[in-house]
Amino acid sequence: QVQLVESGGGLVQAGGSLRLSCSASERTFSNYALAWFRQAPGKERDFVAAITRSAGRTFYADSVKGRFTISRDNAKNTLYLQMNSLQPDDTAVYYCAARNSGSEVIITVKEGYAYWGQGTQVTVSS
């Protein structure tokens, strides 16, 4: 039902920053819990960060904690991921994901999300 479109990816040097956006076409965007996942070539799609529908709770993978910040603007139907201090290991295709949620429970497995964007490439060079 909901369509998600990521943007903001690109090439950045180690130590640099990028801000990813995920635009959703959904009248009831505020009812969705949201998350970012990433997938490097030959690897599984891994959890990065999640945010509840009210933005009252966030959760981060240990690998990005302290460097990445997830946020949302329900009025603009947009999800964000601010990425600072980027490292070569952050290189991956980044996907936004959404799930209908009636609670503030955080889900960190990809199987828990029904809707996905097309992905945006983030490449961090040394």
N, C-alpha and C. Protein backbone atom coordinates (compact mmCIF):
# COMPACT_ATOMS: atom_id res chain seq x y z
N GLN A 1 0.82 -1.19 0.00
CA GLN A 1 0.00 0.00 0.00
C GLN A 1 0.86 1.26 0.00
N VAL A 2 1.67 1.43 1.04
CA VAL A 2 2.50 2.61 1.13
C VAL A 2 3.73 2.45 0.22
N GLN A 3 4.08 3.51 -0.48
CA GLN A 3 5.26 3.53 -1.32
C GLN A 3 6.35 4.36 -0.66
N LEU A 4 7.57 3.83 -0.67
CA LEU A 4 8.70 4.47 -0.03
C LEU A 4 9.78 4.74 -1.05
N VAL A 5 10.35 5.93 -1.03
CA VAL A 5 11.39 6.32 -1.96
C VAL A 5 12.54 6.95 -1.20
N GLU A 6 13.71 6.32 -1.25
CA GLU A 6 14.89 6.84 -0.58
C GLU A 6 15.63 7.83 -1.48
N SER A 7 16.35 8.73 -0.84
CA SER A 7 17.21 9.66 -1.56
C SER A 7 18.31 10.12 -0.61
N GLY A 8 19.34 10.74 -1.17
CA GLY A 8 20.40 11.31 -0.38
C GLY A 8 21.69 10.53 -0.35
N GLY A 9 21.69 9.35 -0.96
CA GLY A 9 22.91 8.57 -1.00
C GLY A 9 23.94 9.19 -1.92
N GLY A 10 25.15 8.68 -1.83
CA GLY A 10 26.22 9.20 -2.65
C GLY A 10 27.57 8.72 -2.19
N LEU A 11 28.59 9.39 -2.70
CA LEU A 11 29.97 9.06 -2.38
C LEU A 11 30.52 10.10 -1.40
N VAL A 12 31.12 9.62 -0.33
CA VAL A 12 31.67 10.51 0.67
C VAL A 12 32.96 9.92 1.22
N GLN A 13 33.87 10.77 1.61
CA GLN A 13 35.12 10.31 2.20
C GLN A 13 34.91 9.90 3.65
N ALA A 14 35.76 9.03 4.13
CA ALA A 14 35.70 8.62 5.52
C ALA A 14 35.74 9.84 6.43
N GLY A 15 34.88 9.82 7.43
CA GLY A 15 34.76 10.94 8.34
C GLY A 15 33.70 11.95 7.94
N GLY A 16 33.17 11.81 6.75
CA GLY A 16 32.17 12.72 6.26
C GLY A 16 30.77 12.36 6.71
N SER A 17 29.80 13.11 6.19
CA SER A 17 28.42 12.94 6.60
C SER A 17 27.49 12.91 5.40
N LEU A 18 26.38 12.22 5.57
CA LEU A 18 25.30 12.20 4.60
C LEU A 18 23.99 12.17 5.36
N ARG A 19 22.95 12.69 4.72
CA ARG A 19 21.61 12.62 5.28
C ARG A 19 20.70 11.95 4.28
N LEU A 20 20.18 10.80 4.65
CA LEU A 20 19.26 10.07 3.81
C LEU A 20 17.83 10.46 4.14
N SER A 21 17.00 10.47 3.12
CA SER A 21 15.59 10.74 3.30
C SER A 21 14.77 9.61 2.69
N CYS A 22 13.62 9.39 3.25
CA CYS A 22 12.68 8.40 2.73
C CYS A 22 11.31 9.04 2.70
N SER A 23 10.82 9.26 1.51
CA SER A 23 9.53 9.91 1.33
C SER A 23 8.45 8.85 1.14
N ALA A 24 7.36 9.00 1.85
CA ALA A 24 6.27 8.02 1.81
C ALA A 24 5.00 8.64 1.28
N SER A 25 4.31 7.88 0.45
CA SER A 25 3.00 8.29 -0.06
C SER A 25 1.96 7.53 0.74
N GLU A 26 1.54 8.14 1.82
CA GLU A 26 0.60 7.49 2.71
C GLU A 26 -0.09 8.53 3.56
N ARG A 27 -1.41 8.52 3.51
CA ARG A 27 -2.18 9.49 4.29
C ARG A 27 -2.02 9.28 5.78
N THR A 28 -1.88 8.02 6.17
CA THR A 28 -1.74 7.70 7.59
C THR A 28 -0.31 7.31 7.92
N PHE A 29 0.63 8.09 7.44
CA PHE A 29 2.05 7.84 7.65
C PHE A 29 2.37 7.72 9.13
N SER A 30 1.69 8.48 9.95
CA SER A 30 1.97 8.47 11.38
C SER A 30 1.66 7.14 12.04
N ASN A 31 0.93 6.27 11.39
CA ASN A 31 0.59 4.97 11.95
C ASN A 31 1.65 3.91 11.70
N TYR A 32 2.70 4.26 10.96
CA TYR A 32 3.73 3.31 10.61
C TYR A 32 4.97 3.47 11.48
N ALA A 33 5.45 2.35 11.98
CA ALA A 33 6.80 2.32 12.54
C ALA A 33 7.79 2.22 11.38
N LEU A 34 8.94 2.84 11.52
CA LEU A 34 9.88 2.97 10.42
C LEU A 34 11.27 2.50 10.83
N ALA A 35 12.05 2.12 9.83
CA ALA A 35 13.40 1.65 10.10
C ALA A 35 14.28 1.83 8.88
N TRP A 36 15.57 1.81 9.12
CA TRP A 36 16.58 1.76 8.08
C TRP A 36 17.34 0.45 8.17
N PHE A 37 17.54 -0.18 7.03
CA PHE A 37 18.38 -1.35 6.90
C PHE A 37 19.44 -1.07 5.84
N ARG A 38 20.48 -1.87 5.83
CA ARG A 38 21.49 -1.73 4.79
C ARG A 38 22.02 -3.09 4.38
N GLN A 39 22.48 -3.15 3.15
CA GLN A 39 22.97 -4.41 2.61
C GLN A 39 24.19 -4.17 1.73
N ALA A 40 25.30 -4.76 2.12
CA ALA A 40 26.51 -4.71 1.34
C ALA A 40 26.56 -5.93 0.42
N PRO A 41 27.30 -5.86 -0.68
CA PRO A 41 27.38 -6.99 -1.60
C PRO A 41 27.82 -8.27 -0.90
N GLY A 42 27.08 -9.33 -1.13
CA GLY A 42 27.41 -10.62 -0.55
C GLY A 42 27.03 -10.79 0.90
N LYS A 43 26.36 -9.80 1.47
CA LYS A 43 25.97 -9.87 2.87
C LYS A 43 24.46 -9.77 3.01
N GLU A 44 23.98 -10.12 4.19
CA GLU A 44 22.57 -10.03 4.48
C GLU A 44 22.15 -8.57 4.69
N ARG A 45 20.87 -8.34 4.56
CA ARG A 45 20.33 -7.03 4.85
C ARG A 45 20.23 -6.87 6.37
N ASP A 46 20.98 -5.93 6.90
CA ASP A 46 21.12 -5.77 8.34
C ASP A 46 20.39 -4.54 8.86
N PHE A 47 19.94 -4.66 10.06
CA PHE A 47 19.26 -3.56 10.74
C PHE A 47 20.23 -2.43 11.05
N VAL A 48 19.76 -1.21 10.89
CA VAL A 48 20.55 -0.03 11.20
C VAL A 48 19.92 0.78 12.33
N ALA A 49 18.67 1.16 12.15
CA ALA A 49 18.00 2.00 13.13
C ALA A 49 16.50 1.91 12.96
N ALA A 50 15.77 2.16 14.03
CA ALA A 50 14.31 2.13 13.97
C ALA A 50 13.74 3.25 14.81
N ILE A 51 12.53 3.63 14.46
CA ILE A 51 11.83 4.68 15.19
C ILE A 51 10.36 4.34 15.24
N THR A 52 9.76 4.57 16.39
CA THR A 52 8.35 4.27 16.54
C THR A 52 7.49 5.31 15.85
N ARG A 53 6.22 5.01 15.74
CA ARG A 53 5.34 5.87 14.96
C ARG A 53 5.21 7.27 15.54
N SER A 54 5.32 7.38 16.84
CA SER A 54 5.22 8.68 17.49
C SER A 54 6.57 9.36 17.65
N ALA A 55 7.64 8.69 17.25
CA ALA A 55 9.02 9.16 17.42
C ALA A 55 9.43 9.21 18.88
N GLY A 56 8.68 8.52 19.72
CA GLY A 56 9.01 8.52 21.13
C GLY A 56 10.16 7.60 21.49
N ARG A 57 10.44 6.63 20.64
CA ARG A 57 11.51 5.69 20.90
C ARG A 57 12.34 5.48 19.64
N THR A 58 13.63 5.36 19.82
CA THR A 58 14.55 5.00 18.75
C THR A 58 15.48 3.91 19.22
N PHE A 59 16.04 3.18 18.27
CA PHE A 59 16.97 2.11 18.59
C PHE A 59 17.96 1.98 17.46
N TYR A 60 19.23 1.72 17.81
CA TYR A 60 20.29 1.67 16.83
C TYR A 60 21.11 0.40 16.94
N ALA A 61 21.59 -0.06 15.80
CA ALA A 61 22.57 -1.13 15.81
C ALA A 61 23.85 -0.63 16.48
N ASP A 62 24.54 -1.53 17.16
CA ASP A 62 25.75 -1.14 17.86
C ASP A 62 26.78 -0.50 16.92
N SER A 63 26.81 -0.95 15.68
CA SER A 63 27.81 -0.47 14.75
C SER A 63 27.64 1.00 14.37
N VAL A 64 26.44 1.55 14.57
CA VAL A 64 26.19 2.93 14.17
C VAL A 64 25.83 3.82 15.35
N LYS A 65 25.69 3.25 16.51
CA LYS A 65 25.28 4.01 17.68
C LYS A 65 26.27 5.13 17.96
N GLY A 66 25.74 6.32 18.18
CA GLY A 66 26.58 7.48 18.43
C GLY A 66 26.99 8.22 17.18
N ARG A 67 26.79 7.61 16.01
CA ARG A 67 27.15 8.24 14.74
C ARG A 67 25.94 8.56 13.87
N PHE A 68 24.93 7.72 13.94
CA PHE A 68 23.73 7.89 13.12
C PHE A 68 22.57 8.35 13.99
N THR A 69 21.68 9.12 13.39
CA THR A 69 20.48 9.56 14.07
C THR A 69 19.27 9.38 13.16
N ILE A 70 18.29 8.64 13.63
CA ILE A 70 17.07 8.45 12.88
C ILE A 70 16.01 9.42 13.39
N SER A 71 15.24 9.97 12.48
CA SER A 71 14.19 10.90 12.86
C SER A 71 13.08 10.83 11.83
N ARG A 72 11.96 11.41 12.15
CA ARG A 72 10.84 11.43 11.22
C ARG A 72 10.07 12.72 11.35
N ASP A 73 9.45 13.11 10.26
CA ASP A 73 8.57 14.26 10.23
C ASP A 73 7.25 13.77 9.66
N ASN A 74 6.32 13.47 10.54
CA ASN A 74 5.05 12.90 10.10
C ASN A 74 4.25 13.89 9.25
N ALA A 75 4.41 15.17 9.51
CA ALA A 75 3.70 16.17 8.72
C ALA A 75 4.16 16.17 7.27
N LYS A 76 5.43 15.80 7.05
CA LYS A 76 5.99 15.75 5.70
C LYS A 76 6.06 14.34 5.15
N ASN A 77 5.58 13.37 5.89
CA ASN A 77 5.62 11.97 5.47
C ASN A 77 7.04 11.54 5.09
N THR A 78 7.99 11.91 5.93
CA THR A 78 9.39 11.67 5.58
C THR A 78 10.16 11.10 6.77
N LEU A 79 11.00 10.13 6.47
CA LEU A 79 11.92 9.53 7.41
C LEU A 79 13.33 9.96 7.05
N TYR A 80 14.16 10.18 8.07
CA TYR A 80 15.52 10.64 7.84
C TYR A 80 16.53 9.74 8.55
N LEU A 81 17.73 9.72 8.01
CA LEU A 81 18.86 9.10 8.68
C LEU A 81 20.06 10.01 8.50
N GLN A 82 20.45 10.67 9.58
CA GLN A 82 21.64 11.50 9.57
C GLN A 82 22.83 10.62 9.91
N MET A 83 23.80 10.57 9.02
CA MET A 83 24.95 9.70 9.18
C MET A 83 26.21 10.56 9.29
N ASN A 84 26.86 10.49 10.42
CA ASN A 84 28.09 11.23 10.67
C ASN A 84 29.24 10.27 10.89
N SER A 85 30.44 10.80 10.77
CA SER A 85 31.65 10.00 10.97
C SER A 85 31.61 8.71 10.18
N LEU A 86 31.26 8.81 8.93
CA LEU A 86 31.10 7.63 8.10
C LEU A 86 32.42 6.90 7.91
N GLN A 87 32.32 5.59 7.86
CA GLN A 87 33.45 4.71 7.72
C GLN A 87 33.27 3.85 6.47
N PRO A 88 34.36 3.32 5.92
CA PRO A 88 34.22 2.44 4.75
C PRO A 88 33.28 1.27 4.99
N ASP A 89 33.22 0.77 6.22
CA ASP A 89 32.31 -0.34 6.53
C ASP A 89 30.84 0.05 6.44
N ASP A 90 30.56 1.34 6.37
CA ASP A 90 29.19 1.80 6.20
C ASP A 90 28.72 1.71 4.75
N THR A 91 29.61 1.41 3.85
CA THR A 91 29.26 1.30 2.44
C THR A 91 28.24 0.20 2.23
N ALA A 92 27.11 0.55 1.65
CA ALA A 92 26.02 -0.40 1.43
C ALA A 92 24.89 0.30 0.71
N VAL A 93 23.93 -0.49 0.28
CA VAL A 93 22.66 0.06 -0.18
C VAL A 93 21.77 0.20 1.04
N TYR A 94 21.25 1.38 1.24
CA TYR A 94 20.41 1.65 2.40
C TYR A 94 18.95 1.66 2.00
N TYR A 95 18.15 0.95 2.77
CA TYR A 95 16.73 0.81 2.51
C TYR A 95 15.91 1.35 3.68
N CYS A 96 14.85 2.04 3.37
CA CYS A 96 13.89 2.37 4.41
C CYS A 96 12.78 1.34 4.39
N ALA A 97 12.19 1.11 5.53
CA ALA A 97 11.17 0.10 5.68
C ALA A 97 10.08 0.60 6.61
N ALA A 98 8.88 0.09 6.41
CA ALA A 98 7.75 0.51 7.21
C ALA A 98 6.89 -0.68 7.59
N ARG A 99 6.26 -0.56 8.73
CA ARG A 99 5.32 -1.57 9.18
C ARG A 99 4.17 -0.89 9.90
N ASN A 100 2.99 -1.43 9.72
CA ASN A 100 1.86 -0.95 10.50
C ASN A 100 2.12 -1.27 11.96
N SER A 101 1.83 -0.32 12.80
CA SER A 101 2.12 -0.50 14.21
C SER A 101 1.03 0.13 15.06
N GLY A 102 0.62 -0.63 16.04
CA GLY A 102 -0.33 -0.11 17.01
C GLY A 102 0.28 0.08 18.37
N SER A 103 1.61 0.00 18.42
CA SER A 103 2.32 0.13 19.68
C SER A 103 3.66 0.79 19.47
N GLU A 104 4.41 0.95 20.54
CA GLU A 104 5.74 1.54 20.49
C GLU A 104 6.84 0.48 20.50
N VAL A 105 6.49 -0.75 20.17
CA VAL A 105 7.46 -1.83 20.14
C VAL A 105 8.44 -1.63 18.99
N ILE A 106 9.73 -1.84 19.28
CA ILE A 106 10.78 -1.75 18.28
C ILE A 106 11.02 -3.12 17.66
N ILE A 107 11.03 -3.19 16.33
CA ILE A 107 11.32 -4.41 15.59
C ILE A 107 12.62 -4.21 14.84
N THR A 108 13.54 -5.17 14.96
CA THR A 108 14.86 -5.04 14.35
C THR A 108 15.15 -6.08 13.29
N VAL A 109 14.21 -6.94 12.98
CA VAL A 109 14.41 -7.95 11.95
C VAL A 109 13.65 -7.56 10.70
N LYS A 110 14.25 -7.82 9.55
CA LYS A 110 13.66 -7.38 8.29
C LYS A 110 12.32 -8.04 8.02
N GLU A 111 12.13 -9.24 8.56
CA GLU A 111 10.87 -9.94 8.36
C GLU A 111 9.70 -9.22 9.02
N GLY A 112 9.98 -8.31 9.90
CA GLY A 112 8.94 -7.58 10.58
C GLY A 112 8.39 -6.40 9.81
N TYR A 113 8.99 -6.09 8.67
CA TYR A 113 8.59 -4.93 7.88
C TYR A 113 8.02 -5.36 6.54
N ALA A 114 6.85 -4.86 6.24
CA ALA A 114 6.13 -5.28 5.04
C ALA A 114 6.40 -4.40 3.83
N TYR A 115 6.83 -3.17 4.05
CA TYR A 115 7.00 -2.21 2.96
C TYR A 115 8.43 -1.72 2.90
N TRP A 116 8.97 -1.65 1.67
CA TRP A 116 10.37 -1.31 1.47
C TRP A 116 10.54 -0.34 0.32
N GLY A 117 11.53 0.53 0.45
CA GLY A 117 11.92 1.38 -0.65
C GLY A 117 12.85 0.65 -1.59
N GLN A 118 13.27 1.35 -2.64
CA GLN A 118 14.13 0.75 -3.66
C GLN A 118 15.60 0.75 -3.27
N GLY A 119 15.96 1.50 -2.26
CA GLY A 119 17.33 1.57 -1.80
C GLY A 119 18.10 2.72 -2.41
N THR A 120 19.07 3.21 -1.67
CA THR A 120 19.97 4.25 -2.16
C THR A 120 21.40 3.88 -1.77
N GLN A 121 22.31 4.04 -2.71
CA GLN A 121 23.69 3.61 -2.51
C GLN A 121 24.46 4.64 -1.70
N VAL A 122 25.15 4.15 -0.68
CA VAL A 122 26.08 4.96 0.10
C VAL A 122 27.45 4.33 -0.03
N THR A 123 28.41 5.10 -0.50
CA THR A 123 29.77 4.62 -0.66
C THR A 123 30.71 5.53 0.11
N VAL A 124 31.49 4.94 1.00
CA VAL A 124 32.43 5.68 1.82
C VAL A 124 33.84 5.26 1.43
N SER A 125 34.62 6.20 0.98
CA SER A 125 35.98 5.92 0.54
C SER A 125 36.99 6.30 1.61
N SER A 126 38.14 5.65 1.57
CA SER A 126 39.20 5.93 2.51
C SER A 126 40.05 7.10 2.05
